[in-house]
N, C-alpha and C. Protein backbone atom coordinates (compact mmCIF):
# COMPACT_ATOMS: atom_id res chain seq x y z
N UNK A 1 5.51 -5.81 12.57
CA UNK A 1 5.43 -6.23 11.13
C UNK A 1 5.08 -7.66 10.99
N UNK A 2 4.18 -7.83 10.26
CA UNK A 2 3.32 -9.09 9.91
C UNK A 2 3.48 -9.37 8.44
N UNK A 3 4.00 -10.44 8.03
CA UNK A 3 3.98 -10.79 6.50
C UNK A 3 2.46 -11.17 6.18
N UNK A 4 2.29 -10.52 4.96
CA UNK A 4 0.94 -10.47 4.30
C UNK A 4 0.55 -11.81 3.69
N UNK A 5 1.43 -12.56 3.31
CA UNK A 5 1.36 -14.07 2.83
C UNK A 5 0.46 -13.88 1.72
N UNK A 6 0.78 -13.50 0.64
CA UNK A 6 -0.12 -13.54 -0.63
C UNK A 6 -0.36 -14.82 -1.37
N UNK A 7 -1.42 -14.90 -2.04
CA UNK A 7 -2.68 -14.22 -1.80
C UNK A 7 -3.43 -14.38 -0.59
N UNK A 8 -4.28 -13.40 0.00
CA UNK A 8 -4.75 -13.36 1.38
C UNK A 8 -6.11 -13.09 1.04
N UNK A 9 -6.90 -13.16 2.29
CA UNK A 9 -8.26 -12.41 2.26
C UNK A 9 -8.47 -11.23 3.19
N UNK A 10 -9.48 -10.47 3.01
CA UNK A 10 -9.93 -9.62 3.87
C UNK A 10 -9.99 -10.05 5.58
N UNK A 11 -10.47 -11.17 5.60
CA UNK A 11 -10.55 -11.70 7.05
C UNK A 11 -9.14 -11.81 7.70
N UNK A 12 -8.52 -12.36 6.82
CA UNK A 12 -6.90 -12.65 7.52
C UNK A 12 -6.32 -11.26 7.65
N UNK A 13 -6.47 -10.15 6.79
CA UNK A 13 -5.93 -8.98 7.08
C UNK A 13 -6.37 -8.41 8.30
N UNK A 14 -7.71 -8.58 8.61
CA UNK A 14 -8.51 -8.10 9.79
C UNK A 14 -7.65 -8.63 11.04
N UNK A 15 -7.68 -10.20 10.86
CA UNK A 15 -6.94 -10.93 11.93
C UNK A 15 -5.54 -10.49 12.35
N UNK A 16 -4.79 -10.21 11.24
CA UNK A 16 -3.34 -9.71 11.39
C UNK A 16 -3.11 -8.56 11.96
N UNK A 17 -4.27 -7.36 11.50
CA UNK A 17 -3.95 -6.12 12.26
C UNK A 17 -4.50 -6.30 13.65
N UNK A 18 -5.50 -6.77 13.96
CA UNK A 18 -6.20 -7.04 15.22
C UNK A 18 -4.99 -7.56 16.20
N UNK A 19 -4.49 -8.62 15.66
CA UNK A 19 -3.35 -9.28 16.71
C UNK A 19 -2.19 -8.24 17.05
N UNK A 20 -2.00 -7.42 15.62
CA UNK A 20 -0.81 -6.50 15.95
C UNK A 20 -1.10 -5.48 16.87
N UNK A 21 -2.43 -5.15 16.67
CA UNK A 21 -2.80 -3.84 17.68
C UNK A 21 -2.69 -4.39 18.98
N UNK A 22 -3.28 -5.46 19.26
CA UNK A 22 -3.27 -6.07 20.65
C UNK A 22 -1.89 -6.09 21.22
N UNK A 23 -1.06 -6.68 20.52
CA UNK A 23 0.45 -6.90 20.97
C UNK A 23 0.96 -5.45 21.31
N UNK A 24 1.02 -4.49 20.27
CA UNK A 24 1.26 -3.06 20.75
C UNK A 24 0.72 -2.59 21.73
N UNK A 25 -0.38 -2.68 21.80
CA UNK A 25 -1.12 -1.97 23.17
C UNK A 25 -0.60 -2.65 24.45
N UNK A 26 -0.39 -3.92 24.43
CA UNK A 26 0.26 -4.67 25.63
C UNK A 26 1.52 -4.24 25.72
N UNK A 27 2.37 -4.16 24.62
CA UNK A 27 4.00 -3.84 24.82
C UNK A 27 3.92 -2.39 25.49
N UNK A 28 3.10 -1.50 24.98
CA UNK A 28 3.06 -0.03 25.58
C UNK A 28 2.20 0.03 26.73
N UNK A 29 1.47 -0.95 27.24
CA UNK A 29 0.67 -0.75 28.61
C UNK A 29 -0.41 0.09 28.24
N UNK A 30 -1.07 -0.05 26.97
CA UNK A 30 -2.19 0.74 26.59
C UNK A 30 -3.50 -0.14 26.80
N UNK A 31 -4.76 0.57 27.06
CA UNK A 31 -6.17 0.06 27.05
C UNK A 31 -6.79 0.74 25.90
N UNK A 32 -7.78 0.07 25.58
CA UNK A 32 -8.84 0.65 24.38
C UNK A 32 -9.01 1.86 24.67
N UNK A 33 -9.30 2.31 26.02
CA UNK A 33 -9.74 3.60 26.24
C UNK A 33 -8.68 4.79 26.04
N UNK A 34 -7.24 4.34 25.77
CA UNK A 34 -6.20 5.10 25.44
C UNK A 34 -6.25 5.49 24.00
N UNK A 35 -6.95 4.86 23.21
CA UNK A 35 -6.91 4.65 21.78
C UNK A 35 -8.07 5.43 21.26
N UNK A 36 -7.63 6.57 20.45
CA UNK A 36 -8.97 7.45 20.00
C UNK A 36 -9.26 6.89 18.51
N UNK A 37 -8.13 6.48 17.75
CA UNK A 37 -8.46 6.04 16.73
C UNK A 37 -7.27 5.19 16.11
N UNK A 38 -7.64 4.06 15.18
CA UNK A 38 -6.79 3.21 14.49
C UNK A 38 -6.76 3.58 12.86
N UNK A 39 -5.39 4.14 12.54
CA UNK A 39 -5.44 4.45 11.17
C UNK A 39 -4.79 3.43 10.33
N UNK A 40 -5.22 2.91 9.17
CA UNK A 40 -4.64 1.85 8.60
C UNK A 40 -4.47 2.38 7.14
N UNK A 41 -3.27 2.21 6.42
CA UNK A 41 -2.76 2.59 5.04
C UNK A 41 -2.76 1.10 4.57
N UNK A 42 -3.41 1.34 3.34
CA UNK A 42 -3.66 0.05 2.56
C UNK A 42 -3.17 0.35 1.22
N UNK A 43 -2.55 -0.85 0.82
CA UNK A 43 -1.70 -1.08 -0.61
C UNK A 43 -2.81 -1.17 -1.84
N UNK A 44 -3.90 -0.43 -1.70
CA UNK A 44 -4.87 -0.42 -2.79
C UNK A 44 -5.83 0.81 -2.76
N UNK A 45 -6.65 1.04 -3.75
CA UNK A 45 -7.64 2.41 -3.41
C UNK A 45 -8.36 2.28 -2.19
N UNK A 46 -8.41 3.22 -1.51
CA UNK A 46 -9.02 3.09 -0.40
C UNK A 46 -10.28 4.49 -0.50
N UNK A 47 -11.53 3.94 -0.30
CA UNK A 47 -12.59 4.84 -0.17
C UNK A 47 -12.66 5.31 1.10
N UNK A 48 -12.14 6.58 1.59
CA UNK A 48 -12.11 6.99 2.85
C UNK A 48 -13.54 7.20 3.46
N UNK A 49 -14.63 7.81 2.64
CA UNK A 49 -15.78 7.81 3.17
C UNK A 49 -16.45 6.54 3.57
N UNK A 50 -16.24 5.46 2.65
CA UNK A 50 -17.22 4.39 3.04
C UNK A 50 -16.17 3.43 3.90
N UNK A 51 -15.00 3.62 4.00
CA UNK A 51 -14.03 2.61 4.50
C UNK A 51 -13.82 1.36 3.90
N UNK A 52 -14.20 1.13 2.54
CA UNK A 52 -13.74 0.04 1.81
C UNK A 52 -12.57 0.04 1.07
N UNK A 53 -12.04 -1.01 1.14
CA UNK A 53 -10.84 -1.13 0.29
C UNK A 53 -11.28 -1.69 -1.02
N UNK A 54 -10.64 -1.14 -2.14
CA UNK A 54 -11.37 -1.04 -3.50
C UNK A 54 -9.90 -1.72 -4.29
N UNK A 55 -10.19 -2.51 -5.35
CA UNK A 55 -9.32 -2.82 -6.38
C UNK A 55 -7.93 -3.47 -5.82
N UNK A 56 -8.26 -4.44 -4.70
CA UNK A 56 -7.24 -4.98 -3.90
C UNK A 56 -6.83 -6.48 -4.58
N UNK A 57 -7.00 -6.41 -5.81
CA UNK A 57 -6.72 -7.75 -6.67
C UNK A 57 -5.45 -8.15 -6.30
N UNK A 58 -4.22 -7.61 -6.30
CA UNK A 58 -2.99 -8.08 -6.38
C UNK A 58 -2.85 -8.64 -4.80
N UNK A 59 -3.72 -8.29 -3.75
CA UNK A 59 -3.61 -8.96 -2.47
C UNK A 59 -4.60 -10.46 -2.51
N UNK A 60 -5.31 -10.72 -3.51
CA UNK A 60 -5.84 -11.92 -3.71
C UNK A 60 -7.47 -11.70 -3.52
N UNK A 61 -7.93 -10.70 -3.30
CA UNK A 61 -9.39 -10.34 -3.31
C UNK A 61 -9.75 -9.05 -3.78
N UNK A 62 -10.99 -8.94 -4.36
CA UNK A 62 -11.28 -7.53 -4.85
C UNK A 62 -11.38 -6.34 -4.12
N UNK A 63 -11.72 -6.55 -2.93
CA UNK A 63 -12.04 -5.56 -1.97
C UNK A 63 -12.91 -5.86 -0.77
N UNK A 64 -13.14 -4.93 0.16
CA UNK A 64 -14.17 -5.17 1.10
C UNK A 64 -14.25 -4.23 2.28
N UNK A 65 -14.99 -4.15 3.24
CA UNK A 65 -15.44 -3.28 4.22
C UNK A 65 -14.18 -3.25 5.36
N UNK A 66 -13.08 -3.01 4.99
CA UNK A 66 -11.93 -2.90 6.01
C UNK A 66 -12.39 -2.30 7.24
N UNK A 67 -12.84 -1.00 7.20
CA UNK A 67 -13.22 -0.21 8.32
C UNK A 67 -14.09 -0.73 9.19
N UNK A 68 -15.06 -1.28 8.81
CA UNK A 68 -16.10 -1.84 9.43
C UNK A 68 -15.62 -3.13 10.12
N UNK A 69 -15.00 -4.06 9.47
CA UNK A 69 -14.78 -5.29 10.05
C UNK A 69 -13.81 -5.15 10.96
N UNK A 70 -12.56 -4.11 10.87
CA UNK A 70 -11.54 -4.02 11.69
C UNK A 70 -11.98 -3.26 13.28
N UNK A 71 -12.97 -2.18 12.79
CA UNK A 71 -13.92 -1.54 13.88
C UNK A 71 -14.32 -2.64 14.76
N UNK A 72 -15.07 -3.47 14.20
CA UNK A 72 -15.87 -4.66 15.00
C UNK A 72 -14.88 -5.33 15.93
N UNK A 73 -13.66 -5.73 15.20
CA UNK A 73 -12.73 -6.81 15.81
C UNK A 73 -12.05 -6.07 16.88
N UNK A 74 -11.58 -4.70 16.73
CA UNK A 74 -11.01 -3.93 17.72
C UNK A 74 -11.78 -3.18 18.61
N UNK A 75 -13.05 -3.03 18.50
CA UNK A 75 -13.93 -2.03 19.16
C UNK A 75 -13.44 -0.78 19.33
N UNK A 76 -13.04 -0.18 18.12
CA UNK A 76 -12.32 1.09 18.12
C UNK A 76 -12.84 1.67 16.85
N UNK A 77 -12.65 2.76 16.71
CA UNK A 77 -12.91 3.75 15.72
C UNK A 77 -11.64 3.51 14.79
N UNK A 78 -12.11 3.33 13.31
CA UNK A 78 -10.92 2.93 12.36
C UNK A 78 -11.18 3.97 11.21
N UNK A 79 -9.82 4.32 10.55
CA UNK A 79 -9.75 5.16 9.24
C UNK A 79 -8.87 4.46 8.41
N UNK A 80 -9.28 4.54 7.03
CA UNK A 80 -8.34 4.14 6.26
C UNK A 80 -8.14 4.97 5.32
N UNK A 81 -6.86 4.90 4.79
CA UNK A 81 -6.59 5.52 3.46
C UNK A 81 -5.50 4.75 2.77
N UNK A 82 -5.12 4.98 1.48
CA UNK A 82 -4.18 4.43 0.56
C UNK A 82 -2.77 4.58 1.36
N UNK A 83 -2.09 3.67 1.38
CA UNK A 83 -0.79 3.65 1.99
C UNK A 83 0.32 4.56 1.58
N UNK A 84 0.54 5.04 0.44
CA UNK A 84 1.39 6.24 -0.04
C UNK A 84 0.49 7.49 0.23
N UNK A 85 -0.70 7.68 0.36
CA UNK A 85 -1.15 8.81 0.98
C UNK A 85 -0.80 9.02 2.30
N UNK A 86 -1.05 7.93 3.16
CA UNK A 86 -0.65 7.85 4.75
C UNK A 86 0.95 8.37 4.59
N UNK A 87 1.69 7.80 3.94
CA UNK A 87 2.97 8.10 4.04
C UNK A 87 3.21 9.74 3.65
N UNK A 88 2.62 10.14 2.87
CA UNK A 88 2.63 11.65 2.48
C UNK A 88 2.32 12.55 3.67
N UNK A 89 1.23 12.12 3.93
CA UNK A 89 0.45 12.96 5.20
C UNK A 89 1.50 12.84 6.19
N UNK A 90 2.01 11.66 6.61
CA UNK A 90 3.07 11.57 7.81
C UNK A 90 4.19 12.35 7.33
N UNK A 91 5.05 12.47 6.18
CA UNK A 91 5.96 13.19 5.89
C UNK A 91 5.41 14.63 6.00
N UNK A 92 4.51 15.11 5.66
CA UNK A 92 4.19 16.46 5.50
C UNK A 92 4.18 16.99 6.82
N UNK A 93 3.44 16.24 7.91
CA UNK A 93 3.10 16.51 9.20
C UNK A 93 4.39 16.49 10.15
N UNK A 94 5.07 15.63 9.82
CA UNK A 94 6.25 15.47 10.72
C UNK A 94 7.70 15.31 9.99
N UNK A 95 7.87 15.75 8.89
CA UNK A 95 9.06 15.80 8.10
C UNK A 95 9.89 17.17 8.08
N UNK A 96 9.22 18.30 8.81
CA UNK A 96 9.71 19.53 9.01
C UNK A 96 9.98 20.20 7.55
N UNK A 97 9.48 20.19 6.48
CA UNK A 97 9.40 20.85 5.38
C UNK A 97 9.05 22.12 5.34
N UNK A 98 9.84 23.07 4.69
CA UNK A 98 9.14 24.43 4.74
C UNK A 98 7.91 24.66 3.66
N UNK A 99 7.87 23.83 2.45
CA UNK A 99 6.75 24.01 1.65
C UNK A 99 5.47 23.37 1.97
N UNK A 100 4.37 23.91 1.21
CA UNK A 100 2.93 23.25 1.68
C UNK A 100 2.59 22.43 0.54
N UNK A 101 3.39 21.89 -0.55
CA UNK A 101 2.74 21.12 -1.63
C UNK A 101 4.31 20.14 -2.04
N UNK A 102 3.79 18.93 -2.31
CA UNK A 102 4.81 18.09 -2.67
C UNK A 102 4.24 16.70 -3.06
N UNK A 103 5.09 15.82 -3.84
CA UNK A 103 4.64 14.49 -4.21
C UNK A 103 5.60 13.49 -3.64
N UNK A 104 5.22 12.54 -2.95
CA UNK A 104 5.85 11.51 -2.35
C UNK A 104 5.51 10.24 -3.12
N UNK A 105 6.68 9.60 -3.66
CA UNK A 105 6.66 8.48 -4.35
C UNK A 105 6.98 7.46 -3.51
N UNK A 106 6.21 6.22 -3.51
CA UNK A 106 6.61 5.09 -2.95
C UNK A 106 6.91 3.98 -3.78
N UNK A 107 8.00 3.08 -3.68
CA UNK A 107 8.48 1.89 -4.62
C UNK A 107 8.80 0.79 -3.52
N UNK A 108 7.93 -0.18 -4.21
CA UNK A 108 8.09 -1.64 -3.70
C UNK A 108 7.45 -2.73 -4.20
N UNK A 109 6.52 -3.33 -3.80
CA UNK A 109 5.73 -4.31 -4.65
C UNK A 109 5.07 -3.58 -5.76
N UNK A 110 4.51 -2.37 -5.44
CA UNK A 110 4.16 -1.50 -6.52
C UNK A 110 4.66 -0.28 -6.55
N UNK A 111 4.07 0.65 -7.17
CA UNK A 111 4.45 2.19 -7.11
C UNK A 111 3.42 3.04 -6.95
N UNK A 112 3.43 3.76 -5.73
CA UNK A 112 2.32 4.44 -5.42
C UNK A 112 2.77 6.12 -5.33
N UNK A 113 1.74 6.83 -4.93
CA UNK A 113 2.16 8.12 -4.71
C UNK A 113 1.15 8.81 -4.05
N UNK A 114 1.80 9.93 -3.01
CA UNK A 114 0.57 11.02 -2.22
C UNK A 114 0.83 12.43 -2.65
N UNK A 115 -0.05 13.06 -2.97
CA UNK A 115 0.27 14.49 -3.22
C UNK A 115 -0.39 15.31 -2.48
N UNK A 116 0.37 16.10 -1.46
CA UNK A 116 0.14 17.32 -1.00
C UNK A 116 -0.04 18.35 -1.69
N UNK A 117 -1.15 19.16 -1.54
CA UNK A 117 -1.13 20.45 -2.37
C UNK A 117 -1.79 21.57 -1.64
N UNK A 118 -1.10 22.57 -1.39
CA UNK A 118 -1.43 23.81 -0.51
C UNK A 118 -1.87 23.20 0.89
N UNK A 119 -1.10 22.31 1.34
CA UNK A 119 -1.19 21.88 2.80
C UNK A 119 -2.33 20.66 3.04
N UNK A 120 -3.04 20.19 2.00
CA UNK A 120 -3.91 19.22 2.14
C UNK A 120 -3.66 17.98 0.99
N UNK A 121 -4.05 17.05 1.71
CA UNK A 121 -3.97 15.59 0.78
C UNK A 121 -4.91 15.97 -0.30
N UNK A 122 -4.29 15.89 -1.65
CA UNK A 122 -5.13 15.79 -2.95
C UNK A 122 -5.93 14.31 -2.94
N UNK A 123 -7.18 14.51 -2.96
CA UNK A 123 -8.25 13.41 -3.29
C UNK A 123 -9.00 13.87 -4.50
N UNK A 124 -9.45 12.48 -4.89
CA UNK A 124 -10.19 12.74 -6.05
C UNK A 124 -11.46 11.69 -6.20
N UNK A 125 -12.58 11.97 -6.89
CA UNK A 125 -13.77 11.52 -6.86
C UNK A 125 -13.62 10.02 -7.12
N UNK A 126 -12.63 9.40 -7.65
CA UNK A 126 -12.40 7.97 -7.60
C UNK A 126 -11.46 7.33 -6.53
N UNK A 127 -10.96 8.14 -5.82
CA UNK A 127 -10.12 7.70 -4.74
C UNK A 127 -8.74 7.27 -5.27
N UNK A 128 -8.45 7.85 -6.38
CA UNK A 128 -7.33 7.30 -6.98
C UNK A 128 -5.98 8.41 -7.31
N UNK A 129 -6.46 9.66 -6.76
CA UNK A 129 -5.42 10.49 -6.87
C UNK A 129 -4.00 9.92 -6.48
N UNK A 130 -2.94 10.37 -7.13
CA UNK A 130 -1.70 9.89 -6.81
C UNK A 130 -1.32 8.33 -6.91
N UNK A 131 -2.09 7.78 -7.64
CA UNK A 131 -1.77 6.46 -8.23
C UNK A 131 -0.82 6.39 -9.41
N UNK A 132 0.26 6.74 -8.90
CA UNK A 132 1.29 6.98 -10.12
C UNK A 132 1.81 5.70 -10.78
N UNK A 133 1.49 4.48 -9.89
CA UNK A 133 2.00 3.36 -10.63
C UNK A 133 0.97 2.97 -11.81
N UNK A 134 -0.27 3.47 -11.87
CA UNK A 134 -1.09 2.94 -12.81
C UNK A 134 -1.23 4.14 -13.89
N UNK A 135 -0.32 4.77 -14.01
CA UNK A 135 -0.24 5.71 -15.26
C UNK A 135 0.02 4.89 -16.54
N UNK A 136 -0.33 4.96 -17.57
CA UNK A 136 0.10 4.05 -18.68
C UNK A 136 1.29 4.71 -19.25
N UNK A 137 2.40 3.80 -19.41
CA UNK A 137 3.73 4.44 -20.01
C UNK A 137 4.10 3.59 -21.07
N UNK A 138 3.36 2.59 -21.61
CA UNK A 138 3.53 1.58 -22.85
C UNK A 138 2.00 1.18 -23.17
N UNK A 139 1.56 1.65 -24.27
CA UNK A 139 0.26 1.44 -24.94
C UNK A 139 0.21 -0.14 -25.14
N UNK A 140 -0.79 -0.54 -24.71
CA UNK A 140 -0.92 -1.99 -25.13
C UNK A 140 0.39 -3.09 -24.69
N UNK A 141 0.86 -2.49 -23.50
CA UNK A 141 2.12 -3.20 -22.79
C UNK A 141 1.81 -4.29 -22.22
N UNK A 142 2.53 -4.92 -21.13
CA UNK A 142 2.37 -5.86 -20.19
C UNK A 142 0.81 -5.54 -19.46
N UNK A 143 0.30 -6.68 -19.10
CA UNK A 143 -0.89 -6.53 -18.31
C UNK A 143 -0.62 -6.15 -16.88
N UNK A 144 -1.55 -5.43 -16.18
CA UNK A 144 -1.34 -4.84 -14.71
C UNK A 144 -2.76 -5.67 -13.96
N UNK A 145 -2.33 -5.63 -12.83
CA UNK A 145 -3.16 -6.23 -11.80
C UNK A 145 -4.54 -5.70 -11.75
N UNK A 146 -4.44 -4.32 -12.12
CA UNK A 146 -5.62 -3.24 -12.20
C UNK A 146 -6.65 -3.41 -13.54
N UNK A 147 -6.27 -4.44 -14.27
CA UNK A 147 -6.97 -4.82 -15.40
C UNK A 147 -6.61 -4.04 -16.85
N UNK A 148 -5.71 -3.00 -16.70
CA UNK A 148 -5.16 -2.32 -17.90
C UNK A 148 -3.87 -2.92 -18.33
N UNK A 149 -3.03 -2.39 -19.62
CA UNK A 149 -1.97 -2.68 -19.80
C UNK A 149 -0.98 -1.49 -19.87
N UNK A 150 0.22 -1.86 -19.76
CA UNK A 150 1.18 -0.78 -19.83
C UNK A 150 1.42 0.24 -18.58
N UNK A 151 1.08 -0.11 -17.61
CA UNK A 151 0.98 0.70 -16.38
C UNK A 151 2.49 0.71 -15.96
N UNK A 152 2.95 1.94 -15.33
CA UNK A 152 4.22 2.09 -14.80
C UNK A 152 4.67 1.32 -13.84
N UNK A 153 3.72 0.71 -12.96
CA UNK A 153 4.05 -0.26 -12.10
C UNK A 153 4.62 -1.58 -12.69
N UNK A 154 4.17 -2.13 -13.72
CA UNK A 154 4.41 -3.18 -14.45
C UNK A 154 5.91 -3.38 -14.98
N UNK A 155 6.69 -2.21 -15.01
CA UNK A 155 7.76 -1.89 -15.46
C UNK A 155 8.69 -1.57 -14.46
N UNK A 156 8.33 -0.66 -13.54
CA UNK A 156 9.22 -0.14 -12.68
C UNK A 156 9.25 -0.53 -11.04
N UNK A 157 8.47 -1.49 -10.87
CA UNK A 157 8.20 -1.88 -9.35
C UNK A 157 9.06 -3.03 -9.26
N UNK A 158 9.16 -3.36 -7.52
CA UNK A 158 10.14 -4.63 -7.31
C UNK A 158 9.32 -5.88 -8.05
N UNK A 159 8.15 -5.82 -8.03
CA UNK A 159 7.51 -6.98 -8.48
C UNK A 159 8.13 -7.25 -10.08
N UNK A 160 8.09 -6.19 -10.68
CA UNK A 160 8.35 -5.90 -12.06
C UNK A 160 9.88 -6.50 -12.10
N UNK A 161 10.81 -6.05 -11.47
CA UNK A 161 12.11 -6.61 -11.43
C UNK A 161 12.41 -7.94 -11.33
N UNK A 162 11.52 -8.42 -10.41
CA UNK A 162 11.57 -9.91 -10.16
C UNK A 162 11.14 -10.66 -11.49
N UNK A 163 9.92 -10.23 -11.95
CA UNK A 163 9.51 -10.88 -13.25
C UNK A 163 10.50 -10.65 -14.35
N UNK A 164 11.13 -9.54 -14.40
CA UNK A 164 12.12 -9.54 -15.62
C UNK A 164 13.36 -10.30 -15.40
N UNK A 165 13.70 -10.64 -14.07
CA UNK A 165 14.93 -11.44 -13.68
C UNK A 165 14.58 -12.64 -14.08
N UNK A 166 13.43 -13.09 -13.49
CA UNK A 166 13.07 -14.73 -14.03
C UNK A 166 12.91 -14.90 -15.32
N UNK A 167 12.65 -13.99 -16.45
CA UNK A 167 12.40 -13.95 -17.62
C UNK A 167 13.91 -13.98 -18.30
N UNK A 168 14.81 -13.23 -17.72
CA UNK A 168 16.24 -13.06 -18.38
C UNK A 168 16.94 -14.13 -17.95
N UNK A 169 16.85 -14.94 -16.78
CA UNK A 169 17.55 -15.97 -16.19
C UNK A 169 17.00 -17.28 -16.45
N UNK A 170 15.73 -17.42 -16.57
CA UNK A 170 15.16 -18.57 -16.68
C UNK A 170 14.87 -19.27 -15.30
N UNK A 171 15.15 -18.86 -14.34
CA UNK A 171 15.25 -18.98 -12.99
C UNK A 171 13.89 -18.58 -12.10
N UNK A 172 13.67 -19.31 -10.95
CA UNK A 172 12.55 -18.82 -10.29
C UNK A 172 13.08 -17.82 -9.19
N UNK A 173 12.96 -16.62 -9.16
CA UNK A 173 13.22 -15.64 -8.06
C UNK A 173 12.13 -15.20 -7.32
N UNK A 174 12.11 -14.99 -6.17
CA UNK A 174 11.04 -14.69 -5.36
C UNK A 174 11.19 -13.32 -4.66
N UNK A 175 12.22 -12.74 -4.42
CA UNK A 175 12.64 -11.74 -3.96
C UNK A 175 13.30 -10.65 -4.75
N UNK A 176 13.16 -9.31 -4.69
CA UNK A 176 14.05 -8.31 -5.32
C UNK A 176 15.16 -8.18 -4.74
N UNK A 177 15.33 -8.49 -3.37
CA UNK A 177 16.71 -8.45 -2.75
C UNK A 177 17.64 -9.25 -3.43
N UNK A 178 17.26 -10.51 -3.86
CA UNK A 178 17.86 -11.57 -4.45
C UNK A 178 18.59 -10.88 -5.78
N UNK A 179 17.90 -10.36 -6.79
CA UNK A 179 18.32 -9.54 -7.93
C UNK A 179 19.41 -8.58 -7.39
N UNK A 180 19.19 -7.65 -6.42
CA UNK A 180 20.26 -6.74 -5.92
C UNK A 180 21.41 -7.32 -5.29
N UNK A 181 21.40 -8.48 -4.56
CA UNK A 181 22.44 -9.01 -4.24
C UNK A 181 23.35 -9.81 -5.47
N UNK A 182 22.68 -10.25 -6.50
CA UNK A 182 23.46 -10.68 -7.39
C UNK A 182 24.06 -9.48 -8.28
N UNK A 183 23.53 -8.56 -8.39
CA UNK A 183 24.03 -7.40 -9.02
C UNK A 183 25.30 -6.72 -8.26
N UNK A 184 25.12 -6.66 -7.12
CA UNK A 184 26.14 -6.23 -6.14
C UNK A 184 27.44 -7.34 -6.13
N UNK A 185 27.27 -8.60 -6.51
CA UNK A 185 28.36 -9.69 -6.78
C UNK A 185 28.92 -9.67 -7.89
N UNK A 186 28.29 -8.73 -8.87
CA UNK A 186 28.84 -8.80 -10.27
C UNK A 186 28.18 -9.44 -11.39
N UNK A 187 27.26 -10.09 -10.91
CA UNK A 187 26.16 -10.82 -11.73
C UNK A 187 25.67 -9.86 -12.72
């Protein structure tokens, strides 16, 4: 686990993932020849065909060629997809479910989703299938990092909880766990 330290840059993300991969390889006694592919789930829209991160504004940059830059740094093939899509694929393949279709929802800094339909990850022409956090739930509502207003993510994510707690208390709160801790203490 490596802290992202937002805002960040594509170059810093590549450096962090590269360092983490080298640490994991050394810890497990692996060399490059043992690795057939590095898979990365990114917290933004991912173009799986081009390897570009898209709409990464909440990370501090608009996007960029993660697959290409990370592949050069690691000297290994790299595949990228949205992090919620990666989680849905992992659950589908390793979760032991009887069905062949489901929706996985991720809740954290944002709200994401991955959709498995008839045993396959649902993809779309704009690479945003399953982006549940960017469904408009309040027309002309609060602005979202995606450029629209009223997205679910602006009201239901950990980031939204922190913003709402700051507005309600007038304090500077930086982590959702602070809000939960205060609630558990009866605040």
